[in-house]
PDB file of all heavy atoms in Angstrom:
ATOM      1  N   ALA A   1      19.395   3.252  -6.309  1.00  0.00           N
ATOM      2  CA  ALA A   1      18.675   3.168  -5.037  1.00  0.00           C
ATOM      3  C   ALA A   1      19.236   2.077  -4.147  1.00  0.00           C
ATOM      4  O   ALA A   1      19.400   2.291  -2.945  1.00  0.00           O
ATOM      5  CB  ALA A   1      17.182   2.878  -5.307  1.00  0.00           C
ATOM      6  N   MET A   2      19.569   0.941  -4.708  1.00  0.00           N
ATOM      7  CA  MET A   2      20.109  -0.161  -3.935  1.00  0.00           C
ATOM      8  C   MET A   2      21.475   0.181  -3.334  1.00  0.00           C
ATOM      9  O   MET A   2      21.846  -0.326  -2.294  1.00  0.00           O
ATOM     10  CB  MET A   2      20.184  -1.417  -4.779  1.00  0.00           C
ATOM     11  CG  MET A   2      18.822  -1.960  -5.215  1.00  0.00           C
ATOM     12  SD  MET A   2      17.805  -2.446  -3.852  1.00  0.00           S
ATOM     13  CE  MET A   2      18.643  -3.931  -3.268  1.00  0.00           C
ATOM     14  N   ALA A   3      22.196   1.051  -4.054  1.00  0.00           N
ATOM     15  CA  ALA A   3      23.536   1.425  -3.594  1.00  0.00           C
ATOM     16  C   ALA A   3      23.503   2.587  -2.624  1.00  0.00           C
ATOM     17  O   ALA A   3      24.522   2.927  -2.036  1.00  0.00           O
ATOM     18  CB  ALA A   3      24.415   1.812  -4.819  1.00  0.00           C
ATOM     19  N   THR A   4      22.304   3.178  -2.398  1.00  0.00           N
ATOM     20  CA  THR A   4      22.190   4.277  -1.485  1.00  0.00           C
ATOM     21  C   THR A   4      22.074   3.789  -0.061  1.00  0.00           C
ATOM     22  O   THR A   4      21.186   2.976   0.269  1.00  0.00           O
ATOM     23  CB  THR A   4      20.930   5.117  -1.837  1.00  0.00           C
ATOM     24  OG1 THR A   4      20.982   5.563  -3.182  1.00  0.00           O
ATOM     25  CG2 THR A   4      20.813   6.317  -0.896  1.00  0.00           C
ATOM     26  N   PRO A   5      22.952   4.240   0.840  1.00  0.00           N
ATOM     27  CA  PRO A   5      22.888   3.813   2.270  1.00  0.00           C
ATOM     28  C   PRO A   5      21.519   4.167   2.856  1.00  0.00           C
ATOM     29  O   PRO A   5      20.891   5.182   2.492  1.00  0.00           O
ATOM     30  CB  PRO A   5      23.986   4.619   2.922  1.00  0.00           C
ATOM     31  CG  PRO A   5      24.934   4.984   1.785  1.00  0.00           C
ATOM     32  CD  PRO A   5      24.065   5.165   0.641  1.00  0.00           C
ATOM     33  N   PRO A   6      21.000   3.361   3.786  1.00  0.00           N
ATOM     34  CA  PRO A   6      19.712   3.561   4.404  1.00  0.00           C
ATOM     35  C   PRO A   6      19.536   4.996   4.968  1.00  0.00           C
ATOM     36  O   PRO A   6      18.460   5.567   4.842  1.00  0.00           O
ATOM     37  CB  PRO A   6      19.638   2.544   5.530  1.00  0.00           C
ATOM     38  CG  PRO A   6      20.551   1.446   5.034  1.00  0.00           C
ATOM     39  CD  PRO A   6      21.648   2.091   4.314  1.00  0.00           C
ATOM     40  N   GLU A   7      20.610   5.553   5.527  1.00  0.00           N
ATOM     41  CA  GLU A   7      20.462   6.886   6.150  1.00  0.00           C
ATOM     42  C   GLU A   7      20.260   7.977   5.112  1.00  0.00           C
ATOM     43  O   GLU A   7      19.844   9.070   5.452  1.00  0.00           O
ATOM     44  CB  GLU A   7      21.670   7.192   7.023  1.00  0.00           C
ATOM     45  CG  GLU A   7      22.994   7.288   6.267  1.00  0.00           C
ATOM     46  CD  GLU A   7      23.689   5.936   6.153  1.00  0.00           C
ATOM     47  OE1 GLU A   7      23.009   4.917   6.412  1.00  0.00           O
ATOM     48  OE2 GLU A   7      24.863   5.906   5.769  1.00  0.00           O
ATOM     49  N   GLN A   8      20.592   7.691   3.846  1.00  0.00           N
ATOM     50  CA  GLN A   8      20.425   8.685   2.813  1.00  0.00           C
ATOM     51  C   GLN A   8      19.124   8.518   2.016  1.00  0.00           C
ATOM     52  O   GLN A   8      18.852   9.260   1.090  1.00  0.00           O
ATOM     53  CB  GLN A   8      21.624   8.620   1.834  1.00  0.00           C
ATOM     54  CG  GLN A   8      22.936   9.003   2.456  1.00  0.00           C
ATOM     55  CD  GLN A   8      24.071   8.958   1.452  1.00  0.00           C
ATOM     56  OE1 GLN A   8      23.876   9.042   0.232  1.00  0.00           O
ATOM     57  NE2 GLN A   8      25.319   8.824   1.935  1.00  0.00           N
ATOM     58  N   ARG A   9      18.298   7.529   2.395  1.00  0.00           N
ATOM     59  CA  ARG A   9      17.058   7.311   1.682  1.00  0.00           C
ATOM     60  C   ARG A   9      15.928   8.208   2.127  1.00  0.00           C
ATOM     61  O   ARG A   9      14.787   8.049   1.647  1.00  0.00           O
ATOM     62  CB  ARG A   9      16.646   5.810   1.818  1.00  0.00           C
ATOM     63  CG  ARG A   9      17.638   4.900   1.114  1.00  0.00           C
ATOM     64  CD  ARG A   9      17.324   3.441   1.318  1.00  0.00           C
ATOM     65  NE  ARG A   9      18.343   2.577   0.709  1.00  0.00           N
ATOM     66  CZ  ARG A   9      18.398   1.276   0.842  1.00  0.00           C
ATOM     67  NH1 ARG A   9      17.507   0.637   1.606  1.00  0.00           N
ATOM     68  NH2 ARG A   9      19.365   0.603   0.248  1.00  0.00           N
ATOM     69  N   LYS A  10      16.216   9.100   3.029  1.00  0.00           N
ATOM     70  CA  LYS A  10      15.181  10.076   3.457  1.00  0.00           C
ATOM     71  C   LYS A  10      15.537  11.488   2.992  1.00  0.00           C
ATOM     72  O   LYS A  10      14.873  12.442   3.418  1.00  0.00           O
ATOM     73  CB  LYS A  10      15.076  10.059   4.990  1.00  0.00           C
ATOM     74  CG  LYS A  10      14.586   8.730   5.565  1.00  0.00           C
ATOM     75  CD  LYS A  10      14.438   8.763   7.094  1.00  0.00           C
ATOM     76  CE  LYS A  10      13.938   7.440   7.592  1.00  0.00           C
ATOM     77  NZ  LYS A  10      13.794   7.434   9.090  1.00  0.00           N
ATOM     78  N   THR A  11      16.464  11.591   2.109  1.00  0.00           N
ATOM     79  CA  THR A  11      16.890  12.875   1.572  1.00  0.00           C
ATOM     80  C   THR A  11      15.919  13.300   0.418  1.00  0.00           C
ATOM     81  O   THR A  11      15.298  12.442  -0.208  1.00  0.00           O
ATOM     82  CB  THR A  11      18.293  12.829   1.042  1.00  0.00           C
ATOM     83  OG1 THR A  11      18.381  11.896  -0.051  1.00  0.00           O
ATOM     84  CG2 THR A  11      19.262  12.413   2.148  1.00  0.00           C
ATOM     85  N   PRO A  12      15.888  14.619   0.120  1.00  0.00           N
ATOM     86  CA  PRO A  12      15.082  15.070  -1.025  1.00  0.00           C
ATOM     87  C   PRO A  12      15.552  14.443  -2.331  1.00  0.00           C
ATOM     88  O   PRO A  12      14.740  14.216  -3.216  1.00  0.00           O
ATOM     89  CB  PRO A  12      15.362  16.569  -1.014  1.00  0.00           C
ATOM     90  CG  PRO A  12      15.684  16.883   0.402  1.00  0.00           C
ATOM     91  CD  PRO A  12      16.453  15.715   0.898  1.00  0.00           C
ATOM     92  N   GLU A  13      16.863  14.192  -2.420  1.00  0.00           N
ATOM     93  CA  GLU A  13      17.409  13.625  -3.716  1.00  0.00           C
ATOM     94  C   GLU A  13      16.851  12.220  -3.907  1.00  0.00           C
ATOM     95  O   GLU A  13      16.495  11.857  -5.011  1.00  0.00           O
ATOM     96  CB  GLU A  13      18.919  13.579  -3.619  1.00  0.00           C
ATOM     97  CG  GLU A  13      19.609  14.915  -3.688  1.00  0.00           C
ATOM     98  CD  GLU A  13      19.565  15.676  -2.353  1.00  0.00           C
ATOM     99  OE1 GLU A  13      19.228  15.071  -1.323  1.00  0.00           O
ATOM    100  OE2 GLU A  13      19.895  16.877  -2.367  1.00  0.00           O
ATOM    101  N   PHE A  14      16.801  11.429  -2.825  1.00  0.00           N
ATOM    102  CA  PHE A  14      16.243  10.077  -2.952  1.00  0.00           C
ATOM    103  C   PHE A  14      14.727  10.132  -3.279  1.00  0.00           C
ATOM    104  O   PHE A  14      14.233   9.312  -3.993  1.00  0.00           O
ATOM    105  CB  PHE A  14      16.504   9.268  -1.687  1.00  0.00           C
ATOM    106  CG  PHE A  14      16.220   7.808  -1.805  1.00  0.00           C
ATOM    107  CD1 PHE A  14      17.204   6.976  -2.369  1.00  0.00           C
ATOM    108  CD2 PHE A  14      14.993   7.254  -1.474  1.00  0.00           C
ATOM    109  CE1 PHE A  14      16.942   5.604  -2.535  1.00  0.00           C
ATOM    110  CE2 PHE A  14      14.779   5.901  -1.626  1.00  0.00           C
ATOM    111  CZ  PHE A  14      15.734   5.073  -2.184  1.00  0.00           C
ATOM    112  N   ALA A  15      14.033  11.088  -2.672  1.00  0.00           N
ATOM    113  CA  ALA A  15      12.605  11.259  -2.930  1.00  0.00           C
ATOM    114  C   ALA A  15      12.393  11.538  -4.405  1.00  0.00           C
ATOM    115  O   ALA A  15      11.432  11.041  -5.004  1.00  0.00           O
ATOM    116  CB  ALA A  15      12.042  12.371  -2.082  1.00  0.00           C
ATOM    117  N   GLU A  16      13.223  12.355  -4.997  1.00  0.00           N
ATOM    118  CA  GLU A  16      13.122  12.673  -6.428  1.00  0.00           C
ATOM    119  C   GLU A  16      13.410  11.440  -7.257  1.00  0.00           C
ATOM    120  O   GLU A  16      12.780  11.214  -8.319  1.00  0.00           O
ATOM    121  CB  GLU A  16      14.086  13.799  -6.799  1.00  0.00           C
ATOM    122  CG  GLU A  16      13.613  15.171  -6.357  1.00  0.00           C
ATOM    123  CD  GLU A  16      12.292  15.551  -7.003  1.00  0.00           C
ATOM    124  OE1 GLU A  16      12.139  15.401  -8.190  1.00  0.00           O
ATOM    125  OE2 GLU A  16      11.396  16.033  -6.250  1.00  0.00           O
ATOM    126  N   LEU A  17      14.386  10.636  -6.811  1.00  0.00           N
ATOM    127  CA  LEU A  17      14.688   9.390  -7.520  1.00  0.00           C
ATOM    128  C   LEU A  17      13.485   8.439  -7.513  1.00  0.00           C
ATOM    129  O   LEU A  17      13.162   7.844  -8.567  1.00  0.00           O
ATOM    130  CB  LEU A  17      15.892   8.738  -6.850  1.00  0.00           C
ATOM    131  CG  LEU A  17      16.551   7.584  -7.661  1.00  0.00           C
ATOM    132  CD1 LEU A  17      17.260   8.104  -8.883  1.00  0.00           C
ATOM    133  CD2 LEU A  17      17.591   6.871  -6.738  1.00  0.00           C
ATOM    134  N   GLU A  18      12.896   8.336  -6.363  1.00  0.00           N
ATOM    135  CA  GLU A  18      11.710   7.447  -6.255  1.00  0.00           C
ATOM    136  C   GLU A  18      10.529   8.007  -7.087  1.00  0.00           C
ATOM    137  O   GLU A  18       9.796   7.258  -7.696  1.00  0.00           O
ATOM    138  CB  GLU A  18      11.287   7.250  -4.816  1.00  0.00           C
ATOM    139  CG  GLU A  18      10.157   6.269  -4.669  1.00  0.00           C
ATOM    140  CD  GLU A  18      10.045   5.706  -3.247  1.00  0.00           C
ATOM    141  OE1 GLU A  18       9.916   6.527  -2.348  1.00  0.00           O
ATOM    142  OE2 GLU A  18      10.176   4.476  -3.128  1.00  0.00           O
ATOM    143  N   LYS A  19      10.397   9.333  -7.130  1.00  0.00           N
ATOM    144  CA  LYS A  19       9.368   9.949  -7.943  1.00  0.00           C
ATOM    145  C   LYS A  19       9.565   9.611  -9.411  1.00  0.00           C
ATOM    146  O   LYS A  19       8.608   9.287 -10.125  1.00  0.00           O
ATOM    147  CB  LYS A  19       9.344  11.468  -7.742  1.00  0.00           C
ATOM    148  CG  LYS A  19       8.268  12.175  -8.467  1.00  0.00           C
ATOM    149  CD  LYS A  19       8.314  13.707  -8.147  1.00  0.00           C
ATOM    150  CE  LYS A  19       7.203  14.408  -8.955  1.00  0.00           C
ATOM    151  NZ  LYS A  19       7.287  15.890  -8.684  1.00  0.00           N
ATOM    152  N   GLU A  20      10.819   9.710  -9.862  1.00  0.00           N
ATOM    153  CA  GLU A  20      11.118   9.341 -11.252  1.00  0.00           C
ATOM    154  C   GLU A  20      10.822   7.894 -11.549  1.00  0.00           C
ATOM    155  O   GLU A  20      10.354   7.527 -12.584  1.00  0.00           O
ATOM    156  CB  GLU A  20      12.559   9.667 -11.608  1.00  0.00           C
ATOM    157  CG  GLU A  20      12.902   9.396 -13.057  1.00  0.00           C
ATOM    158  CD  GLU A  20      14.351   9.658 -13.414  1.00  0.00           C
ATOM    159  OE1 GLU A  20      15.155  10.025 -12.532  1.00  0.00           O
ATOM    160  OE2 GLU A  20      14.727   9.383 -14.595  1.00  0.00           O
ATOM    161  N   TYR A  21      11.158   7.033 -10.577  1.00  0.00           N
ATOM    162  CA  TYR A  21      10.920   5.599 -10.680  1.00  0.00           C
ATOM    163  C   TYR A  21       9.419   5.336 -10.907  1.00  0.00           C
ATOM    164  O   TYR A  21       9.013   4.598 -11.805  1.00  0.00           O
ATOM    165  CB  TYR A  21      11.403   4.892  -9.427  1.00  0.00           C
ATOM    166  CG  TYR A  21      11.239   3.376  -9.475  1.00  0.00           C
ATOM    167  CD1 TYR A  21      12.175   2.566 -10.011  1.00  0.00           C
ATOM    168  CD2 TYR A  21      10.105   2.812  -8.924  1.00  0.00           C
ATOM    169  CE1 TYR A  21      12.062   1.186 -10.025  1.00  0.00           C
ATOM    170  CE2 TYR A  21       9.957   1.406  -8.931  1.00  0.00           C
ATOM    171  CZ  TYR A  21      10.919   0.611  -9.487  1.00  0.00           C
ATOM    172  OH  TYR A  21      10.733  -0.778  -9.524  1.00  0.00           O
ATOM    173  N   LEU A  22       8.580   5.966 -10.111  1.00  0.00           N
ATOM    174  CA  LEU A  22       7.137   5.772 -10.168  1.00  0.00           C
ATOM    175  C   LEU A  22       6.615   6.297 -11.517  1.00  0.00           C
ATOM    176  O   LEU A  22       5.680   5.711 -12.112  1.00  0.00           O
ATOM    177  CB  LEU A  22       6.449   6.443  -9.022  1.00  0.00           C
ATOM    178  CG  LEU A  22       6.771   5.922  -7.622  1.00  0.00           C
ATOM    179  CD1 LEU A  22       6.049   6.734  -6.559  1.00  0.00           C
ATOM    180  CD2 LEU A  22       6.406   4.441  -7.514  1.00  0.00           C
ATOM    181  N   THR A  23       7.132   7.414 -11.969  1.00  0.00           N
ATOM    182  CA  THR A  23       6.745   7.969 -13.269  1.00  0.00           C
ATOM    183  C   THR A  23       7.118   7.007 -14.405  1.00  0.00           C
ATOM    184  O   THR A  23       6.281   6.804 -15.288  1.00  0.00           O
ATOM    185  CB  THR A  23       7.452   9.319 -13.519  1.00  0.00           C
ATOM    186  OG1 THR A  23       7.094  10.242 -12.469  1.00  0.00           O
ATOM    187  CG2 THR A  23       7.087   9.900 -14.861  1.00  0.00           C
ATOM    188  N   CYS A  24       8.266   6.427 -14.321  1.00  0.00           N
ATOM    189  CA  CYS A  24       8.673   5.430 -15.325  1.00  0.00           C
ATOM    190  C   CYS A  24       7.776   4.200 -15.299  1.00  0.00           C
ATOM    191  O   CYS A  24       7.409   3.652 -16.354  1.00  0.00           O
ATOM    192  CB  CYS A  24      10.128   5.014 -15.137  1.00  0.00           C
ATOM    193  SG  CYS A  24      11.352   6.262 -15.579  1.00  0.00           S
ATOM    194  N   MET A  25       7.435   3.758 -14.100  1.00  0.00           N
ATOM    195  CA  MET A  25       6.545   2.613 -13.999  1.00  0.00           C
ATOM    196  C   MET A  25       5.174   2.890 -14.608  1.00  0.00           C
ATOM    197  O   MET A  25       4.605   2.085 -15.329  1.00  0.00           O
ATOM    198  CB  MET A  25       6.366   2.223 -12.507  1.00  0.00           C
ATOM    199  CG  MET A  25       7.618   1.662 -11.876  1.00  0.00           C
ATOM    200  SD  MET A  25       8.015  -0.034 -12.462  1.00  0.00           S
ATOM    201  CE  MET A  25       6.712  -0.971 -11.677  1.00  0.00           C
ATOM    202  N   ASP A  26       4.655   4.066 -14.322  1.00  0.00           N
ATOM    203  CA  ASP A  26       3.358   4.455 -14.928  1.00  0.00           C
ATOM    204  C   ASP A  26       3.462   4.541 -16.440  1.00  0.00           C
ATOM    205  O   ASP A  26       2.527   4.177 -17.160  1.00  0.00           O
ATOM    206  CB  ASP A  26       2.887   5.823 -14.336  1.00  0.00           C
ATOM    207  CG  ASP A  26       2.483   5.673 -12.867  1.00  0.00           C
ATOM    208  OD1 ASP A  26       2.177   4.558 -12.426  1.00  0.00           O
ATOM    209  OD2 ASP A  26       2.473   6.736 -12.173  1.00  0.00           O
ATOM    210  N   SER A  27       4.574   5.097 -16.902  1.00  0.00           N
ATOM    211  CA  SER A  27       4.781   5.223 -18.358  1.00  0.00           C
ATOM    212  C   SER A  27       4.816   3.845 -19.031  1.00  0.00           C
ATOM    213  O   SER A  27       4.209   3.668 -20.073  1.00  0.00           O
ATOM    214  CB  SER A  27       6.037   5.997 -18.650  1.00  0.00           C
ATOM    215  OG  SER A  27       6.335   6.042 -20.020  1.00  0.00           O
ATOM    216  N   MET A  28       5.503   2.938 -18.414  1.00  0.00           N
ATOM    217  CA  MET A  28       5.622   1.596 -18.976  1.00  0.00           C
ATOM    218  C   MET A  28       4.281   0.881 -18.983  1.00  0.00           C
ATOM    219  O   MET A  28       3.929   0.185 -19.924  1.00  0.00           O
ATOM    220  CB  MET A  28       6.644   0.812 -18.175  1.00  0.00           C
ATOM    221  CG  MET A  28       7.053  -0.500 -18.829  1.00  0.00           C
ATOM    222  SD  MET A  28       8.639  -1.100 -18.149  1.00  0.00           S
ATOM    223  CE  MET A  28       8.266  -1.260 -16.413  1.00  0.00           C
ATOM    224  N   GLU A  29       3.493   1.097 -17.910  1.00  0.00           N
ATOM    225  CA  GLU A  29       2.173   0.500 -17.868  1.00  0.00           C
ATOM    226  C   GLU A  29       1.291   1.098 -18.983  1.00  0.00           C
ATOM    227  O   GLU A  29       0.501   0.341 -19.613  1.00  0.00           O
ATOM    228  CB  GLU A  29       1.528   0.734 -16.496  1.00  0.00           C
ATOM    229  CG  GLU A  29       0.165   0.148 -16.377  1.00  0.00           C
ATOM    230  CD  GLU A  29      -0.399   0.251 -14.982  1.00  0.00           C
ATOM    231  OE1 GLU A  29       0.095  -0.450 -14.091  1.00  0.00           O
ATOM    232  OE2 GLU A  29      -1.338   1.079 -14.800  1.00  0.00           O
ATOM    233  N   ALA A  30       1.378   2.373 -19.222  1.00  0.00           N
ATOM    234  CA  ALA A  30       0.569   2.994 -20.265  1.00  0.00           C
ATOM    235  C   ALA A  30       0.945   2.449 -21.617  1.00  0.00           C
ATOM    236  O   ALA A  30       0.029   2.239 -22.472  1.00  0.00           O
ATOM    237  CB  ALA A  30       0.812   4.540 -20.253  1.00  0.00           C
ATOM    238  N   VAL A  31       2.211   2.181 -21.879  1.00  0.00           N
ATOM    239  CA  VAL A  31       2.626   1.554 -23.140  1.00  0.00           C
ATOM    240  C   VAL A  31       2.010   0.173 -23.285  1.00  0.00           C
ATOM    241  O   VAL A  31       1.487  -0.200 -24.342  1.00  0.00           O
ATOM    242  CB  VAL A  31       4.153   1.485 -23.229  1.00  0.00           C
ATOM    243  CG1 VAL A  31       4.582   0.667 -24.445  1.00  0.00           C
ATOM    244  CG2 VAL A  31       4.785   2.866 -23.291  1.00  0.00           C
ATOM    245  N   ARG A  32       2.012  -0.587 -22.200  1.00  0.00           N
ATOM    246  CA  ARG A  32       1.467  -1.945 -22.234  1.00  0.00           C
ATOM    247  C   ARG A  32      -0.052  -1.889 -22.493  1.00  0.00           C
ATOM    248  O   ARG A  32      -0.593  -2.721 -23.257  1.00  0.00           O
ATOM    249  CB  ARG A  32       1.759  -2.697 -20.959  1.00  0.00           C
ATOM    250  CG  ARG A  32       3.231  -3.131 -20.808  1.00  0.00           C
ATOM    251  CD  ARG A  32       3.435  -4.096 -19.674  1.00  0.00           C
ATOM    252  NE  ARG A  32       4.741  -4.670 -19.679  1.00  0.00           N
ATOM    253  CZ  ARG A  32       5.710  -4.383 -18.836  1.00  0.00           C
ATOM    254  NH1 ARG A  32       5.491  -3.455 -17.891  1.00  0.00           N
ATOM    255  NH2 ARG A  32       6.897  -4.953 -18.927  1.00  0.00           N
ATOM    256  N   ILE A  33      -0.762  -1.004 -21.850  1.00  0.00           N
ATOM    257  CA  ILE A  33      -2.193  -0.849 -22.038  1.00  0.00           C
ATOM    258  C   ILE A  33      -2.498  -0.512 -23.477  1.00  0.00           C
ATOM    259  O   ILE A  33      -3.464  -1.092 -24.066  1.00  0.00           O
ATOM    260  CB  ILE A  33      -2.752   0.186 -21.070  1.00  0.00           C
ATOM    261  CG1 ILE A  33      -2.724  -0.334 -19.617  1.00  0.00           C
ATOM    262  CG2 ILE A  33      -4.224   0.562 -21.467  1.00  0.00           C
ATOM    263  CD1 ILE A  33      -3.134   0.679 -18.585  1.00  0.00           C
ATOM    264  N   ARG A  34      -1.754   0.397 -24.063  1.00  0.00           N
ATOM    265  CA  ARG A  34      -1.997   0.764 -25.484  1.00  0.00           C
ATOM    266  C   ARG A  34      -1.756  -0.483 -26.377  1.00  0.00           C
ATOM    267  O   ARG A  34      -2.516  -0.675 -27.360  1.00  0.00           O
ATOM    268  CB  ARG A  34      -1.057   1.889 -25.920  1.00  0.00           C
ATOM    269  CG  ARG A  34      -1.427   3.255 -25.348  1.00  0.00           C
ATOM    270  CD  ARG A  34      -0.744   4.393 -26.131  1.00  0.00           C
ATOM    271  NE  ARG A  34       0.691   4.314 -26.032  1.00  0.00           N
ATOM    272  CZ  ARG A  34       1.412   4.882 -25.067  1.00  0.00           C
ATOM    273  NH1 ARG A  34       0.807   5.585 -24.119  1.00  0.00           N
ATOM    274  NH2 ARG A  34       2.748   4.804 -25.046  1.00  0.00           N
ATOM    275  N   PHE A  35      -0.758  -1.255 -26.041  1.00  0.00           N
ATOM    276  CA  PHE A  35      -0.466  -2.436 -26.826  1.00  0.00           C
ATOM    277  C   PHE A  35      -1.626  -3.439 -26.756  1.00  0.00           C
ATOM    278  O   PHE A  35      -2.050  -3.994 -27.754  1.00  0.00           O
ATOM    279  CB  PHE A  35       0.836  -3.107 -26.369  1.00  0.00           C
ATOM    280  CG  PHE A  35       1.270  -4.267 -27.244  1.00  0.00           C
ATOM    281  CD1 PHE A  35       2.106  -4.052 -28.303  1.00  0.00           C
ATOM    282  CD2 PHE A  35       0.813  -5.555 -26.984  1.00  0.00           C
ATOM    283  CE1 PHE A  35       2.534  -5.104 -29.148  1.00  0.00           C
ATOM    284  CE2 PHE A  35       1.188  -6.636 -27.812  1.00  0.00           C
ATOM    285  CZ  PHE A  35       2.049  -6.405 -28.848  1.00  0.00           C
ATOM    286  N   VAL A  36      -2.170  -3.666 -25.547  1.00  0.00           N
ATOM    287  CA  VAL A  36      -3.243  -4.594 -25.357  1.00  0.00           C
ATOM    288  C   VAL A  36      -4.466  -4.170 -26.163  1.00  0.00           C
ATOM    289  O   VAL A  36      -5.120  -4.983 -26.839  1.00  0.00           O
ATOM    290  CB  VAL A  36      -3.627  -4.693 -23.844  1.00  0.00           C
ATOM    291  CG1 VAL A  36      -4.885  -5.526 -23.695  1.00  0.00           C
ATOM    292  CG2 VAL A  36      -2.472  -5.341 -23.076  1.00  0.00           C
TER     293      VAL A  36
END
């Protein structure tokens, strides 16, 4: 994402990348909650 030029951050591909990022964040939070 950081290497992606600003003009390419509105593409469907970047949207999918951000969607995967959010999914990973949610998954990591779920692991932490289970541990707690």
